[in-house]
């Protein structure tokens, strides 16, 4: 290892300072969950965000693309890309809405089958994430996470915009 790439002796101590920051912990936990989701659901070829979109459309067939973007808390361009990928995979169908700009989303037959087949695997990924906690603490964690989301990003707020 070259001297430029050598890790200083105090590097682990310095890195541990980051573990006192909630944003760092939330980001790291998201990375861990994404890896668990991939391990459990990788065979389906569906990402966590795509699975979330499939969940929304399964719950509300015919939902418009704008509502999907809002539900996912994504900008419309990112949502359009997710939709395009699910369409290309044959999992999502896009049809015309009330006007030229509105697009309605429904699962294809194959999309419904894949979504249904993913339920057990996705549940395992979610369970694995909270498995180190006793059941009462899992429920508490979920309430606390929901409170943080609800109180810092109310549903009335518009979805993020791309600049």
C-alpha atoms as a PDB file:
ATOM      1  CA  UNK A   1       0.000   0.000   0.000  1.00  0.00           C
ATOM      2  CA  UNK A   2       1.401   3.378  -0.952  1.00  0.00           C
ATOM      3  CA  UNK A   3       1.844   6.032   1.733  1.00  0.00           C
ATOM      4  CA  UNK A   4      -0.933   8.090   0.113  1.00  0.00           C
ATOM      5  CA  UNK A   5      -3.396   5.227   0.501  1.00  0.00           C
ATOM      6  CA  UNK A   6      -2.295   4.150   3.971  1.00  0.00           C
ATOM      7  CA  UNK A   7      -4.996   4.542   6.590  1.00  0.00           C
ATOM      8  CA  UNK A   8      -3.882   6.739   9.531  1.00  0.00           C
ATOM      9  CA  UNK A   9      -3.889   5.016  12.915  1.00  0.00           C
ATOM     10  CA  UNK A  10      -6.630   7.340  14.187  1.00  0.00           C
ATOM     11  CA  UNK A  11      -8.908   6.669  11.182  1.00  0.00           C
ATOM     12  CA  UNK A  12     -11.270   4.244  12.993  1.00  0.00           C
ATOM     13  CA  UNK A  13     -11.661   6.693  15.877  1.00  0.00           C
ATOM     14  CA  UNK A  14     -12.352   9.544  13.469  1.00  0.00           C
ATOM     15  CA  UNK A  15     -14.898   7.474  11.539  1.00  0.00           C
ATOM     16  CA  UNK A  16     -16.715   6.626  14.769  1.00  0.00           C
ATOM     17  CA  UNK A  17     -17.435  10.334  15.209  1.00  0.00           C
ATOM     18  CA  UNK A  18     -19.843  10.063  12.290  1.00  0.00           C
ATOM     19  CA  UNK A  19     -21.920   7.505  14.192  1.00  0.00           C
ATOM     20  CA  UNK A  20     -23.205  10.310  16.404  1.00  0.00           C
ATOM     21  CA  UNK A  21     -24.954  11.887  13.420  1.00  0.00           C
ATOM     22  CA  UNK A  22     -28.520  10.763  12.742  1.00  0.00           C
ATOM     23  CA  UNK A  23     -28.206  11.393   9.001  1.00  0.00           C
ATOM     24  CA  UNK A  24     -25.188   9.123   8.762  1.00  0.00           C
ATOM     25  CA  UNK A  25     -26.965   6.365  10.676  1.00  0.00           C
ATOM     26  CA  UNK A  26     -30.129   6.690   8.576  1.00  0.00           C
ATOM     27  CA  UNK A  27     -28.085   6.568   5.352  1.00  0.00           C
ATOM     28  CA  UNK A  28     -26.117   3.548   6.566  1.00  0.00           C
ATOM     29  CA  UNK A  29     -29.263   1.741   7.677  1.00  0.00           C
ATOM     30  CA  UNK A  30     -30.778   2.425   4.249  1.00  0.00           C
ATOM     31  CA  UNK A  31     -27.668   0.923   2.622  1.00  0.00           C
ATOM     32  CA  UNK A  32     -27.952  -2.146   4.848  1.00  0.00           C
ATOM     33  CA  UNK A  33     -31.643  -2.570   4.054  1.00  0.00           C
ATOM     34  CA  UNK A  34     -31.007  -2.162   0.322  1.00  0.00           C
ATOM     35  CA  UNK A  35     -28.417  -4.938   0.501  1.00  0.00           C
ATOM     36  CA  UNK A  36     -30.823  -7.176   2.435  1.00  0.00           C
ATOM     37  CA  UNK A  37     -33.595  -6.456  -0.067  1.00  0.00           C
ATOM     38  CA  UNK A  38     -31.241  -7.345  -2.917  1.00  0.00           C
ATOM     39  CA  UNK A  39     -30.263 -10.611  -1.214  1.00  0.00           C
ATOM     40  CA  UNK A  40     -33.894 -11.571  -0.657  1.00  0.00           C
ATOM     41  CA  UNK A  41     -35.473 -10.185  -3.837  1.00  0.00           C
ATOM     42  CA  UNK A  42     -32.644 -10.030  -6.373  1.00  0.00           C
ATOM     43  CA  UNK A  43     -33.995 -12.971  -8.361  1.00  0.00           C
ATOM     44  CA  UNK A  44     -37.069 -10.885  -9.251  1.00  0.00           C
ATOM     45  CA  UNK A  45     -34.998  -8.135 -10.875  1.00  0.00           C
ATOM     46  CA  UNK A  46     -36.937  -5.437  -9.017  1.00  0.00           C
ATOM     47  CA  UNK A  47     -35.274  -2.669  -7.010  1.00  0.00           C
ATOM     48  CA  UNK A  48     -36.671  -1.366  -3.691  1.00  0.00           C
ATOM     49  CA  UNK A  49     -38.023   1.780  -5.396  1.00  0.00           C
ATOM     50  CA  UNK A  50     -39.610  -0.294  -8.157  1.00  0.00           C
ATOM     51  CA  UNK A  51     -41.150  -2.565  -5.518  1.00  0.00           C
ATOM     52  CA  UNK A  52     -42.547   0.511  -3.770  1.00  0.00           C
ATOM     53  CA  UNK A  53     -44.136   1.675  -7.023  1.00  0.00           C
ATOM     54  CA  UNK A  54     -45.592  -1.788  -7.629  1.00  0.00           C
ATOM     55  CA  UNK A  55     -47.006  -1.654  -4.084  1.00  0.00           C
ATOM     56  CA  UNK A  56     -48.699   1.698  -4.724  1.00  0.00           C
ATOM     57  CA  UNK A  57     -50.179   0.598  -8.052  1.00  0.00           C
ATOM     58  CA  UNK A  58     -51.311  -2.761  -6.643  1.00  0.00           C
ATOM     59  CA  UNK A  59     -53.135  -0.865  -3.882  1.00  0.00           C
ATOM     60  CA  UNK A  60     -54.637   1.726  -6.255  1.00  0.00           C
ATOM     61  CA  UNK A  61     -54.867   0.417  -9.830  1.00  0.00           C
ATOM     62  CA  UNK A  62     -55.246   3.231 -12.332  1.00  0.00           C
ATOM     63  CA  UNK A  63     -53.346   5.703 -10.181  1.00  0.00           C
ATOM     64  CA  UNK A  64     -51.899   8.577 -12.171  1.00  0.00           C
ATOM     65  CA  UNK A  65     -48.170   9.109 -12.548  1.00  0.00           C
ATOM     66  CA  UNK A  66     -48.210  12.334 -10.498  1.00  0.00           C
ATOM     67  CA  UNK A  67     -49.839  10.573  -7.545  1.00  0.00           C
ATOM     68  CA  UNK A  68     -47.261   7.802  -7.827  1.00  0.00           C
ATOM     69  CA  UNK A  69     -44.434  10.366  -7.750  1.00  0.00           C
ATOM     70  CA  UNK A  70     -45.974  12.016  -4.706  1.00  0.00           C
ATOM     71  CA  UNK A  71     -46.469   8.679  -2.928  1.00  0.00           C
ATOM     72  CA  UNK A  72     -42.888   7.663  -3.615  1.00  0.00           C
ATOM     73  CA  UNK A  73     -41.659  11.137  -2.593  1.00  0.00           C
ATOM     74  CA  UNK A  74     -39.696  11.305  -5.845  1.00  0.00           C
ATOM     75  CA  UNK A  75     -39.559  13.965  -8.518  1.00  0.00           C
ATOM     76  CA  UNK A  76     -41.547  13.327 -11.693  1.00  0.00           C
ATOM     77  CA  UNK A  77     -38.472  12.653 -13.850  1.00  0.00           C
ATOM     78  CA  UNK A  78     -37.128   9.943 -11.546  1.00  0.00           C
ATOM     79  CA  UNK A  79     -40.599   8.447 -11.275  1.00  0.00           C
ATOM     80  CA  UNK A  80     -40.944   8.451 -15.069  1.00  0.00           C
ATOM     81  CA  UNK A  81     -37.661   6.521 -15.294  1.00  0.00           C
ATOM     82  CA  UNK A  82     -38.854   3.945 -12.731  1.00  0.00           C
ATOM     83  CA  UNK A  83     -42.098   3.575 -14.697  1.00  0.00           C
ATOM     84  CA  UNK A  84     -40.217   3.165 -17.969  1.00  0.00           C
ATOM     85  CA  UNK A  85     -38.074   0.382 -16.500  1.00  0.00           C
ATOM     86  CA  UNK A  86     -41.086  -1.464 -15.087  1.00  0.00           C
ATOM     87  CA  UNK A  87     -42.863  -1.090 -18.424  1.00  0.00           C
ATOM     88  CA  UNK A  88     -39.831  -2.488 -20.267  1.00  0.00           C
ATOM     89  CA  UNK A  89     -39.825  -5.446 -17.869  1.00  0.00           C
ATOM     90  CA  UNK A  90     -43.478  -6.093 -18.691  1.00  0.00           C
ATOM     91  CA  UNK A  91     -44.630  -5.437 -15.132  1.00  0.00           C
ATOM     92  CA  UNK A  92     -46.444  -2.127 -15.558  1.00  0.00           C
ATOM     93  CA  UNK A  93     -48.895  -0.827 -18.113  1.00  0.00           C
ATOM     94  CA  UNK A  94     -49.306   2.895 -18.794  1.00  0.00           C
ATOM     95  CA  UNK A  95     -52.517   4.185 -20.320  1.00  0.00           C
ATOM     96  CA  UNK A  96     -54.046   7.537 -21.166  1.00  0.00           C
ATOM     97  CA  UNK A  97     -55.763   9.569 -18.486  1.00  0.00           C
ATOM     98  CA  UNK A  98     -58.263  12.417 -18.418  1.00  0.00           C
ATOM     99  CA  UNK A  99     -56.076  14.627 -20.572  1.00  0.00           C
ATOM    100  CA  UNK A 100     -52.969  14.333 -22.759  1.00  0.00           C
ATOM    101  CA  UNK A 101     -50.594  14.869 -19.847  1.00  0.00           C
ATOM    102  CA  UNK A 102     -52.126  12.371 -17.435  1.00  0.00           C
ATOM    103  CA  UNK A 103     -50.872   8.788 -17.547  1.00  0.00           C
ATOM    104  CA  UNK A 104     -52.590   6.018 -15.595  1.00  0.00           C
ATOM    105  CA  UNK A 105     -50.687   3.067 -14.161  1.00  0.00           C
ATOM    106  CA  UNK A 106     -51.812  -0.523 -13.759  1.00  0.00           C
ATOM    107  CA  UNK A 107     -49.951  -3.742 -13.156  1.00  0.00           C
ATOM    108  CA  UNK A 108     -49.816  -6.140 -16.048  1.00  0.00           C
ATOM    109  CA  UNK A 109     -50.834  -9.712 -15.376  1.00  0.00           C
ATOM    110  CA  UNK A 110     -47.143 -10.576 -15.090  1.00  0.00           C
ATOM    111  CA  UNK A 111     -46.612  -7.544 -12.837  1.00  0.00           C
ATOM    112  CA  UNK A 112     -49.304  -8.775 -10.475  1.00  0.00           C
ATOM    113  CA  UNK A 113     -47.756 -12.226 -10.420  1.00  0.00           C
ATOM    114  CA  UNK A 114     -44.250 -10.912  -9.738  1.00  0.00           C
ATOM    115  CA  UNK A 115     -45.523  -8.537  -7.065  1.00  0.00           C
ATOM    116  CA  UNK A 116     -47.429 -11.356  -5.341  1.00  0.00           C
ATOM    117  CA  UNK A 117     -44.427 -13.679  -5.580  1.00  0.00           C
ATOM    118  CA  UNK A 118     -42.181 -11.024  -3.986  1.00  0.00           C
ATOM    119  CA  UNK A 119     -44.242 -10.576  -0.822  1.00  0.00           C
ATOM    120  CA  UNK A 120     -42.551 -13.259   1.258  1.00  0.00           C
ATOM    121  CA  UNK A 121     -39.040 -12.276   0.155  1.00  0.00           C
ATOM    122  CA  UNK A 122     -39.645  -8.566   0.751  1.00  0.00           C
ATOM    123  CA  UNK A 123     -41.127  -9.307   4.180  1.00  0.00           C
ATOM    124  CA  UNK A 124     -37.982 -11.305   5.034  1.00  0.00           C
ATOM    125  CA  UNK A 125     -35.804  -8.329   4.082  1.00  0.00           C
ATOM    126  CA  UNK A 126     -37.866  -6.003   6.269  1.00  0.00           C
ATOM    127  CA  UNK A 127     -37.811  -8.512   9.138  1.00  0.00           C
ATOM    128  CA  UNK A 128     -34.054  -9.016   8.885  1.00  0.00           C
ATOM    129  CA  UNK A 129     -33.500  -5.287   9.271  1.00  0.00           C
ATOM    130  CA  UNK A 130     -35.251  -5.120  12.635  1.00  0.00           C
ATOM    131  CA  UNK A 131     -34.413  -8.658  13.812  1.00  0.00           C
ATOM    132  CA  UNK A 132     -31.732  -7.515  16.301  1.00  0.00           C
ATOM    133  CA  UNK A 133     -34.439  -5.702  18.288  1.00  0.00           C
ATOM    134  CA  UNK A 134     -36.959  -7.370  20.593  1.00  0.00           C
ATOM    135  CA  UNK A 135     -40.566  -7.079  19.287  1.00  0.00           C
ATOM    136  CA  UNK A 136     -41.549  -4.160  21.550  1.00  0.00           C
ATOM    137  CA  UNK A 137     -38.511  -2.187  20.434  1.00  0.00           C
ATOM    138  CA  UNK A 138     -39.334  -2.935  16.781  1.00  0.00           C
ATOM    139  CA  UNK A 139     -42.755  -1.387  17.249  1.00  0.00           C
ATOM    140  CA  UNK A 140     -41.182   1.575  19.049  1.00  0.00           C
ATOM    141  CA  UNK A 141     -38.610   2.029  16.274  1.00  0.00           C
ATOM    142  CA  UNK A 142     -41.361   2.066  13.650  1.00  0.00           C
ATOM    143  CA  UNK A 143     -43.389   4.623  15.637  1.00  0.00           C
ATOM    144  CA  UNK A 144     -40.323   6.828  16.090  1.00  0.00           C
ATOM    145  CA  UNK A 145     -39.322   6.612  12.418  1.00  0.00           C
ATOM    146  CA  UNK A 146     -42.876   7.407  11.358  1.00  0.00           C
ATOM    147  CA  UNK A 147     -42.991  10.367  13.726  1.00  0.00           C
ATOM    148  CA  UNK A 148     -39.726  11.739  12.361  1.00  0.00           C
ATOM    149  CA  UNK A 149     -41.009  11.398   8.801  1.00  0.00           C
ATOM    150  CA  UNK A 150     -44.438  12.845   9.612  1.00  0.00           C
ATOM    151  CA  UNK A 151     -43.088  15.805  11.555  1.00  0.00           C
ATOM    152  CA  UNK A 152     -40.220  16.704   9.248  1.00  0.00           C
ATOM    153  CA  UNK A 153     -41.842  16.028   5.850  1.00  0.00           C
ATOM    154  CA  UNK A 154     -45.611  16.298   6.085  1.00  0.00           C
ATOM    155  CA  UNK A 155     -47.650  14.674   3.331  1.00  0.00           C
ATOM    156  CA  UNK A 156     -48.933  18.099   2.314  1.00  0.00           C
ATOM    157  CA  UNK A 157     -45.442  19.106   1.220  1.00  0.00           C
ATOM    158  CA  UNK A 158     -44.837  18.837  -2.511  1.00  0.00           C
ATOM    159  CA  UNK A 159     -42.467  16.106  -3.715  1.00  0.00           C
ATOM    160  CA  UNK A 160     -38.846  17.140  -4.215  1.00  0.00           C
ATOM    161  CA  UNK A 161     -38.005  18.961  -7.432  1.00  0.00           C
ATOM    162  CA  UNK A 162     -35.043  18.360  -9.704  1.00  0.00           C
ATOM    163  CA  UNK A 163     -33.152  21.510 -10.590  1.00  0.00           C
END
